[in-house]
């Protein structure tokens, strides 16, 4: 039987991906997975398995589930063990673009936190006498001027 014809039970995917059965049912409710049925049992295709893998990668990368839903609803789902087609490549490009933007946002956040840390470190050491003492969180807004001596 070709890999694309394989069928996976809910419990098999729970074990393989270390997720709960509730998570898989929720992803089904959101339209991310579309398992077949055999009575009460859910049966997942290789397509569902590939989509689950991509959803989990996106979530691990910090994407909101609503963004993952939007990402996957635009292009055709990725098929496991099949050659890439144009829609698969477009989906991956959108994912890469989203992750690149996220990395840029994280770099900016890291820079801001480094500035805050520097300000707090200076204040803690008692060398930031020029920082306003009134108002909430004024110390977090402190940024030494380039070339300025932090000593009073």
N, C-alpha and C. Protein backbone atom coordinates (compact mmCIF):
# COMPACT_ATOMS: atom_id res chain seq x y z
N UNK A 1 0.85 -1.19 0.00
CA UNK A 1 0.00 0.00 0.00
C UNK A 1 0.89 1.24 0.00
N UNK A 2 0.70 2.16 -0.98
CA UNK A 2 1.51 3.38 -1.01
C UNK A 2 1.29 4.20 0.26
N UNK A 3 2.33 4.96 0.63
CA UNK A 3 2.25 5.77 1.85
C UNK A 3 1.09 6.75 1.84
N UNK A 4 0.73 7.26 0.65
CA UNK A 4 -0.36 8.24 0.58
C UNK A 4 -1.72 7.58 0.85
N UNK A 5 -1.79 6.24 0.83
CA UNK A 5 -3.04 5.53 1.10
C UNK A 5 -3.14 5.08 2.56
N UNK A 6 -2.13 5.34 3.35
CA UNK A 6 -2.14 4.90 4.74
C UNK A 6 -3.24 5.60 5.52
N UNK A 7 -3.79 4.90 6.47
CA UNK A 7 -4.82 5.43 7.35
C UNK A 7 -4.27 5.41 8.78
N UNK A 8 -4.53 6.48 9.52
CA UNK A 8 -4.03 6.60 10.89
C UNK A 8 -5.21 6.78 11.83
N UNK A 9 -5.16 6.09 12.95
CA UNK A 9 -6.21 6.28 13.95
C UNK A 9 -5.89 7.51 14.79
N UNK A 10 -6.88 7.97 15.51
CA UNK A 10 -6.69 9.11 16.40
C UNK A 10 -5.57 8.80 17.40
N UNK A 11 -5.62 7.62 17.99
CA UNK A 11 -4.60 7.27 19.00
C UNK A 11 -3.20 7.17 18.40
N UNK A 12 -3.10 6.73 17.15
CA UNK A 12 -1.79 6.65 16.51
C UNK A 12 -1.19 8.05 16.36
N UNK A 13 -2.00 9.03 15.95
CA UNK A 13 -1.50 10.40 15.81
C UNK A 13 -1.23 11.04 17.16
N UNK A 14 -2.05 10.72 18.15
CA UNK A 14 -1.82 11.22 19.51
C UNK A 14 -0.45 10.78 19.99
N UNK A 15 -0.14 9.50 19.79
CA UNK A 15 1.17 8.98 20.23
C UNK A 15 2.32 9.56 19.40
N UNK A 16 2.14 9.60 18.09
CA UNK A 16 3.23 10.05 17.21
C UNK A 16 3.59 11.51 17.45
N UNK A 17 2.59 12.37 17.64
CA UNK A 17 2.85 13.80 17.74
C UNK A 17 2.76 14.35 19.16
N UNK A 18 2.50 13.47 20.11
CA UNK A 18 2.43 13.86 21.51
C UNK A 18 1.44 15.01 21.73
N UNK A 19 0.23 14.82 21.21
CA UNK A 19 -0.86 15.77 21.40
C UNK A 19 -2.02 15.01 22.04
N UNK A 20 -3.01 15.74 22.51
CA UNK A 20 -4.17 15.10 23.09
C UNK A 20 -5.21 14.82 22.02
N UNK A 21 -6.10 13.90 22.32
CA UNK A 21 -7.19 13.62 21.38
C UNK A 21 -8.09 14.84 21.26
N UNK A 22 -8.21 15.60 22.33
CA UNK A 22 -9.01 16.84 22.28
C UNK A 22 -8.40 17.83 21.29
N UNK A 23 -7.08 17.90 21.26
CA UNK A 23 -6.40 18.79 20.31
C UNK A 23 -6.75 18.41 18.88
N UNK A 24 -6.71 17.12 18.58
CA UNK A 24 -7.05 16.68 17.21
C UNK A 24 -8.50 16.98 16.89
N UNK A 25 -9.40 16.78 17.84
CA UNK A 25 -10.81 17.10 17.59
C UNK A 25 -11.00 18.61 17.39
N UNK A 26 -10.27 19.41 18.16
CA UNK A 26 -10.36 20.86 18.01
C UNK A 26 -9.85 21.29 16.63
N UNK A 27 -8.73 20.72 16.19
CA UNK A 27 -8.22 21.06 14.86
C UNK A 27 -9.22 20.64 13.79
N UNK A 28 -9.92 19.56 14.02
CA UNK A 28 -10.98 19.14 13.09
C UNK A 28 -12.10 20.19 13.08
N UNK A 29 -12.52 20.66 14.25
CA UNK A 29 -13.56 21.69 14.34
C UNK A 29 -13.15 22.96 13.60
N UNK A 30 -11.85 23.27 13.62
CA UNK A 30 -11.34 24.47 12.97
C UNK A 30 -11.14 24.28 11.47
N UNK A 31 -11.38 23.09 10.97
CA UNK A 31 -11.24 22.82 9.54
C UNK A 31 -9.83 22.49 9.10
N UNK A 32 -8.95 22.25 10.05
CA UNK A 32 -7.56 21.94 9.71
C UNK A 32 -7.37 20.47 9.35
N UNK A 33 -8.18 19.61 9.92
CA UNK A 33 -8.14 18.18 9.65
C UNK A 33 -9.54 17.73 9.23
N UNK A 34 -9.59 16.71 8.40
CA UNK A 34 -10.90 16.20 7.97
C UNK A 34 -10.87 14.68 7.92
N UNK A 35 -10.88 14.06 9.09
CA UNK A 35 -10.79 12.60 9.12
C UNK A 35 -12.08 11.96 8.61
N UNK A 36 -11.89 10.75 8.08
CA UNK A 36 -13.05 9.95 7.72
C UNK A 36 -13.59 9.28 8.98
N UNK A 37 -14.63 8.52 8.82
CA UNK A 37 -15.25 7.85 9.97
C UNK A 37 -15.49 6.38 9.63
N UNK A 38 -15.33 5.57 10.67
CA UNK A 38 -15.73 4.17 10.63
C UNK A 38 -16.52 3.96 11.91
N UNK A 39 -17.82 4.18 11.84
CA UNK A 39 -18.63 4.18 13.06
C UNK A 39 -18.27 5.43 13.85
N UNK A 40 -17.87 5.25 15.09
CA UNK A 40 -17.47 6.36 15.95
C UNK A 40 -15.99 6.70 15.82
N UNK A 41 -15.22 5.85 15.16
CA UNK A 41 -13.77 6.04 15.06
C UNK A 41 -13.41 7.06 13.98
N UNK A 42 -12.47 7.92 14.31
CA UNK A 42 -11.92 8.85 13.32
C UNK A 42 -10.73 8.17 12.64
N UNK A 43 -10.70 8.29 11.32
CA UNK A 43 -9.60 7.73 10.55
C UNK A 43 -8.96 8.85 9.74
N UNK A 44 -7.67 9.07 9.98
CA UNK A 44 -6.95 10.18 9.37
C UNK A 44 -6.13 9.69 8.19
N UNK A 45 -6.14 10.48 7.15
CA UNK A 45 -5.38 10.16 5.93
C UNK A 45 -3.95 10.68 6.06
N UNK A 46 -3.12 10.32 5.09
CA UNK A 46 -1.76 10.86 5.03
C UNK A 46 -1.82 12.38 4.87
N UNK A 47 -2.83 12.87 4.17
CA UNK A 47 -3.03 14.32 4.01
C UNK A 47 -3.27 14.98 5.37
N UNK A 48 -4.13 14.36 6.18
CA UNK A 48 -4.39 14.90 7.52
C UNK A 48 -3.12 14.88 8.36
N UNK A 49 -2.37 13.81 8.26
CA UNK A 49 -1.12 13.69 9.03
C UNK A 49 -0.13 14.78 8.63
N UNK A 50 -0.01 15.03 7.33
CA UNK A 50 0.90 16.07 6.84
C UNK A 50 0.44 17.45 7.31
N UNK A 51 -0.86 17.70 7.26
CA UNK A 51 -1.40 18.98 7.74
C UNK A 51 -1.17 19.14 9.23
N UNK A 52 -1.38 18.07 10.00
CA UNK A 52 -1.14 18.13 11.44
C UNK A 52 0.31 18.47 11.72
N UNK A 53 1.21 17.84 11.01
CA UNK A 53 2.64 18.14 11.19
C UNK A 53 2.92 19.62 10.92
N UNK A 54 2.35 20.17 9.86
CA UNK A 54 2.57 21.58 9.53
C UNK A 54 1.93 22.49 10.57
N UNK A 55 0.73 22.16 11.04
CA UNK A 55 0.07 22.95 12.08
C UNK A 55 0.94 22.99 13.33
N UNK A 56 1.47 21.86 13.72
CA UNK A 56 2.29 21.81 14.94
C UNK A 56 3.60 22.58 14.78
N UNK A 57 4.19 22.54 13.59
CA UNK A 57 5.40 23.33 13.33
C UNK A 57 5.07 24.82 13.45
N UNK A 58 3.96 25.23 12.85
CA UNK A 58 3.56 26.64 12.90
C UNK A 58 3.28 27.08 14.34
N UNK A 59 2.59 26.24 15.09
CA UNK A 59 2.29 26.58 16.49
C UNK A 59 3.57 26.66 17.30
N UNK A 60 4.48 25.73 17.07
CA UNK A 60 5.77 25.75 17.79
C UNK A 60 6.55 27.01 17.44
N UNK A 61 6.35 27.51 16.24
CA UNK A 61 7.02 28.73 15.80
C UNK A 61 6.35 29.98 16.35
N UNK A 62 5.25 29.78 17.10
CA UNK A 62 4.60 30.91 17.74
C UNK A 62 3.44 31.51 16.97
N UNK A 63 3.02 30.88 15.90
CA UNK A 63 1.91 31.42 15.13
C UNK A 63 0.59 31.15 15.86
N UNK A 64 -0.30 32.12 15.82
CA UNK A 64 -1.63 31.94 16.37
C UNK A 64 -2.39 30.94 15.50
N UNK A 65 -3.26 30.18 16.12
CA UNK A 65 -4.00 29.18 15.37
C UNK A 65 -4.84 29.82 14.26
N UNK A 66 -5.38 31.00 14.51
CA UNK A 66 -6.16 31.68 13.47
C UNK A 66 -5.30 31.98 12.25
N UNK A 67 -4.01 32.30 12.47
CA UNK A 67 -3.10 32.54 11.35
C UNK A 67 -2.79 31.24 10.61
N UNK A 68 -2.69 30.14 11.35
CA UNK A 68 -2.44 28.84 10.72
C UNK A 68 -3.64 28.46 9.87
N UNK A 69 -4.84 28.67 10.40
CA UNK A 69 -6.06 28.36 9.64
C UNK A 69 -6.07 29.17 8.34
N UNK A 70 -5.76 30.46 8.45
CA UNK A 70 -5.74 31.32 7.26
C UNK A 70 -4.66 30.86 6.28
N UNK A 71 -3.48 30.52 6.79
CA UNK A 71 -2.38 30.06 5.94
C UNK A 71 -2.78 28.82 5.16
N UNK A 72 -3.37 27.86 5.84
CA UNK A 72 -3.71 26.60 5.18
C UNK A 72 -4.97 26.68 4.32
N UNK A 73 -5.81 27.66 4.58
CA UNK A 73 -7.03 27.76 3.79
C UNK A 73 -6.78 28.37 2.42
N UNK A 74 -5.65 29.05 2.25
CA UNK A 74 -5.36 29.71 0.98
C UNK A 74 -4.86 28.72 -0.06
N UNK A 75 -3.97 27.82 0.37
CA UNK A 75 -3.39 26.89 -0.58
C UNK A 75 -3.89 25.48 -0.35
N UNK A 76 -3.57 24.61 -1.26
CA UNK A 76 -3.92 23.21 -1.11
C UNK A 76 -3.10 22.60 0.02
N UNK A 77 -3.63 21.62 0.70
CA UNK A 77 -2.89 21.00 1.79
C UNK A 77 -1.66 20.27 1.29
N UNK A 78 -0.66 20.22 2.14
CA UNK A 78 0.54 19.47 1.81
C UNK A 78 0.24 17.98 1.90
N UNK A 79 0.70 17.23 0.94
CA UNK A 79 0.51 15.79 0.93
C UNK A 79 1.80 15.13 1.39
N UNK A 80 1.65 14.17 2.27
CA UNK A 80 2.82 13.44 2.74
C UNK A 80 3.31 12.52 1.63
N UNK A 81 4.62 12.41 1.53
CA UNK A 81 5.26 11.45 0.62
C UNK A 81 4.87 11.66 -0.84
N UNK A 82 4.48 12.86 -1.21
CA UNK A 82 4.18 13.17 -2.60
C UNK A 82 5.11 14.29 -3.03
N UNK A 83 5.36 14.37 -4.29
CA UNK A 83 6.19 15.46 -4.78
C UNK A 83 5.50 16.78 -4.57
N UNK A 84 6.26 17.85 -4.34
CA UNK A 84 5.62 19.15 -4.12
C UNK A 84 4.94 19.64 -5.39
N UNK A 85 3.80 20.29 -5.20
CA UNK A 85 3.18 20.94 -6.34
C UNK A 85 3.21 22.45 -6.09
N UNK A 86 2.69 23.21 -7.01
CA UNK A 86 2.76 24.67 -6.94
C UNK A 86 2.09 25.19 -5.67
N UNK A 87 0.94 24.62 -5.30
CA UNK A 87 0.25 25.08 -4.09
C UNK A 87 1.04 24.78 -2.83
N UNK A 88 1.69 23.61 -2.79
CA UNK A 88 2.52 23.27 -1.63
C UNK A 88 3.66 24.27 -1.49
N UNK A 89 4.28 24.60 -2.59
CA UNK A 89 5.40 25.55 -2.57
C UNK A 89 4.92 26.92 -2.13
N UNK A 90 3.76 27.34 -2.62
CA UNK A 90 3.20 28.64 -2.24
C UNK A 90 2.88 28.66 -0.75
N UNK A 91 2.34 27.56 -0.23
CA UNK A 91 2.03 27.47 1.20
C UNK A 91 3.30 27.60 2.02
N UNK A 92 4.34 26.90 1.61
CA UNK A 92 5.62 26.98 2.34
C UNK A 92 6.22 28.38 2.24
N UNK A 93 6.09 29.02 1.11
CA UNK A 93 6.59 30.39 0.97
C UNK A 93 5.86 31.33 1.93
N UNK A 94 4.54 31.17 2.04
CA UNK A 94 3.78 32.00 2.98
C UNK A 94 4.22 31.73 4.41
N UNK A 95 4.47 30.48 4.74
CA UNK A 95 4.95 30.13 6.08
C UNK A 95 6.32 30.76 6.33
N UNK A 96 7.21 30.65 5.37
CA UNK A 96 8.54 31.25 5.52
C UNK A 96 8.45 32.76 5.67
N UNK A 97 7.58 33.39 4.91
CA UNK A 97 7.41 34.84 5.02
C UNK A 97 6.88 35.22 6.40
N UNK A 98 5.91 34.44 6.90
CA UNK A 98 5.36 34.71 8.22
C UNK A 98 6.42 34.52 9.30
N UNK A 99 7.21 33.47 9.19
CA UNK A 99 8.26 33.23 10.18
C UNK A 99 9.37 34.27 10.10
N UNK A 100 9.69 34.72 8.90
CA UNK A 100 10.69 35.76 8.75
C UNK A 100 10.22 37.05 9.41
N UNK A 101 8.94 37.38 9.22
CA UNK A 101 8.38 38.57 9.87
C UNK A 101 8.41 38.40 11.38
N UNK A 102 8.06 37.21 11.85
CA UNK A 102 8.09 36.94 13.29
C UNK A 102 9.50 37.10 13.84
N UNK A 103 10.50 36.61 13.10
CA UNK A 103 11.89 36.75 13.54
C UNK A 103 12.27 38.22 13.62
N UNK A 104 11.84 39.00 12.65
CA UNK A 104 12.12 40.43 12.66
C UNK A 104 11.47 41.10 13.87
N UNK A 105 10.22 40.72 14.15
CA UNK A 105 9.53 41.27 15.32
C UNK A 105 10.24 40.88 16.60
N UNK A 106 10.70 39.63 16.67
CA UNK A 106 11.42 39.17 17.86
C UNK A 106 12.75 39.90 18.02
N UNK A 107 13.46 40.14 16.92
CA UNK A 107 14.72 40.90 16.98
C UNK A 107 14.47 42.29 17.54
N UNK A 108 13.39 42.93 17.11
CA UNK A 108 13.05 44.26 17.61
C UNK A 108 12.72 44.21 19.10
N UNK A 109 11.97 43.20 19.50
CA UNK A 109 11.62 43.04 20.91
C UNK A 109 12.86 42.80 21.75
N UNK A 110 13.77 41.97 21.26
CA UNK A 110 15.02 41.71 21.98
C UNK A 110 15.81 42.99 22.15
N UNK A 111 15.88 43.80 21.12
CA UNK A 111 16.59 45.07 21.20
C UNK A 111 15.99 45.97 22.27
N UNK A 112 14.67 46.07 22.28
CA UNK A 112 13.99 46.88 23.29
C UNK A 112 14.26 46.37 24.70
N UNK A 113 14.20 45.04 24.87
CA UNK A 113 14.47 44.47 26.19
C UNK A 113 15.92 44.69 26.62
N UNK A 114 16.84 44.65 25.68
CA UNK A 114 18.24 44.93 26.01
C UNK A 114 18.40 46.37 26.49
N UNK A 115 17.70 47.30 25.84
CA UNK A 115 17.75 48.70 26.29
C UNK A 115 17.16 48.85 27.68
N UNK A 116 16.05 48.17 27.93
CA UNK A 116 15.45 48.22 29.26
C UNK A 116 16.39 47.65 30.31
N UNK A 117 17.01 46.54 29.97
CA UNK A 117 17.95 45.90 30.89
C UNK A 117 19.11 46.83 31.20
N UNK A 118 19.62 47.48 30.17
CA UNK A 118 20.72 48.42 30.37
C UNK A 118 20.30 49.55 31.31
N UNK A 119 19.10 50.10 31.08
CA UNK A 119 18.60 51.17 31.95
C UNK A 119 18.42 50.71 33.38
N UNK A 120 17.85 49.53 33.54
CA UNK A 120 17.66 49.01 34.89
C UNK A 120 19.00 48.73 35.57
N UNK A 121 19.94 48.21 34.82
CA UNK A 121 21.27 47.92 35.39
C UNK A 121 21.95 49.20 35.85
N UNK A 122 21.84 50.25 35.03
CA UNK A 122 22.45 51.52 35.41
C UNK A 122 21.78 52.08 36.67
N UNK A 123 20.46 52.01 36.70
CA UNK A 123 19.73 52.54 37.86
C UNK A 123 20.07 51.73 39.11
N UNK A 124 20.15 50.45 38.96
CA UNK A 124 20.45 49.59 40.10
C UNK A 124 21.83 49.89 40.66
N UNK A 125 22.75 50.19 39.79
CA UNK A 125 24.10 50.48 40.25
C UNK A 125 24.23 51.90 40.79
N UNK A 126 23.16 52.67 40.71
CA UNK A 126 23.17 54.02 41.26
C UNK A 126 23.78 55.06 40.35
N UNK A 127 24.05 54.71 39.10
CA UNK A 127 24.70 55.65 38.18
C UNK A 127 23.70 56.37 37.29
N UNK A 128 22.41 56.19 37.50
CA UNK A 128 21.42 56.80 36.62
C UNK A 128 20.65 57.88 37.38
N UNK A 129 21.36 58.81 37.94
CA UNK A 129 20.73 59.84 38.76
C UNK A 129 19.85 60.78 37.93
N UNK A 130 20.03 60.79 36.63
CA UNK A 130 19.26 61.71 35.80
C UNK A 130 17.88 61.17 35.44
N UNK A 131 17.59 59.95 35.82
CA UNK A 131 16.29 59.38 35.50
C UNK A 131 15.24 60.01 36.39
N UNK A 132 14.13 60.39 35.79
CA UNK A 132 13.03 60.95 36.58
C UNK A 132 12.60 59.96 37.64
N UNK A 133 12.32 60.45 38.80
CA UNK A 133 11.89 59.59 39.90
C UNK A 133 10.38 59.47 39.98
N UNK A 134 9.63 60.41 39.39
CA UNK A 134 8.17 60.32 39.48
C UNK A 134 7.62 59.56 38.28
N UNK A 135 6.38 59.08 38.41
CA UNK A 135 5.72 58.38 37.31
C UNK A 135 6.06 56.91 37.31
N UNK A 136 5.14 56.14 36.78
CA UNK A 136 5.31 54.69 36.74
C UNK A 136 6.26 54.31 35.61
N UNK A 137 7.15 53.42 35.89
CA UNK A 137 8.02 52.78 34.90
C UNK A 137 8.93 53.75 34.15
N UNK A 138 9.24 54.89 34.71
CA UNK A 138 10.11 55.82 33.98
C UNK A 138 11.48 55.21 33.76
N UNK A 139 11.89 54.34 34.62
CA UNK A 139 13.20 53.72 34.46
C UNK A 139 13.25 52.83 33.22
N UNK A 140 12.10 52.25 32.87
CA UNK A 140 12.08 51.39 31.70
C UNK A 140 12.18 52.18 30.41
N UNK A 141 11.90 53.46 30.47
CA UNK A 141 11.97 54.31 29.28
C UNK A 141 13.36 54.91 29.09
N UNK A 142 14.23 54.75 30.06
CA UNK A 142 15.56 55.34 30.02
C UNK A 142 16.40 54.68 28.94
N UNK A 143 16.98 55.51 28.09
CA UNK A 143 17.94 55.05 27.09
C UNK A 143 19.10 56.01 27.11
N UNK A 144 20.30 55.54 27.45
CA UNK A 144 21.44 56.45 27.43
C UNK A 144 21.66 56.99 26.01
N UNK A 145 21.99 58.25 25.93
CA UNK A 145 22.30 58.84 24.64
C UNK A 145 23.66 58.31 24.18
N UNK A 146 23.79 58.14 22.90
CA UNK A 146 25.06 57.65 22.35
C UNK A 146 26.17 58.63 22.74
N UNK A 147 27.22 58.11 23.33
CA UNK A 147 28.36 58.92 23.72
C UNK A 147 28.17 59.69 24.99
N UNK A 148 26.99 59.60 25.60
CA UNK A 148 26.74 60.33 26.84
C UNK A 148 27.31 59.56 28.01
N UNK A 149 27.85 60.29 28.95
CA UNK A 149 28.39 59.67 30.16
C UNK A 149 27.25 59.51 31.15
N UNK A 150 26.95 58.26 31.58
CA UNK A 150 25.84 58.07 32.49
C UNK A 150 26.10 58.61 33.89
N UNK A 151 27.31 58.96 34.18
CA UNK A 151 27.64 59.51 35.50
C UNK A 151 27.12 60.94 35.58
N UNK A 152 26.55 61.34 36.78
CA UNK A 152 26.08 62.73 36.93
C UNK A 152 27.23 63.71 36.98
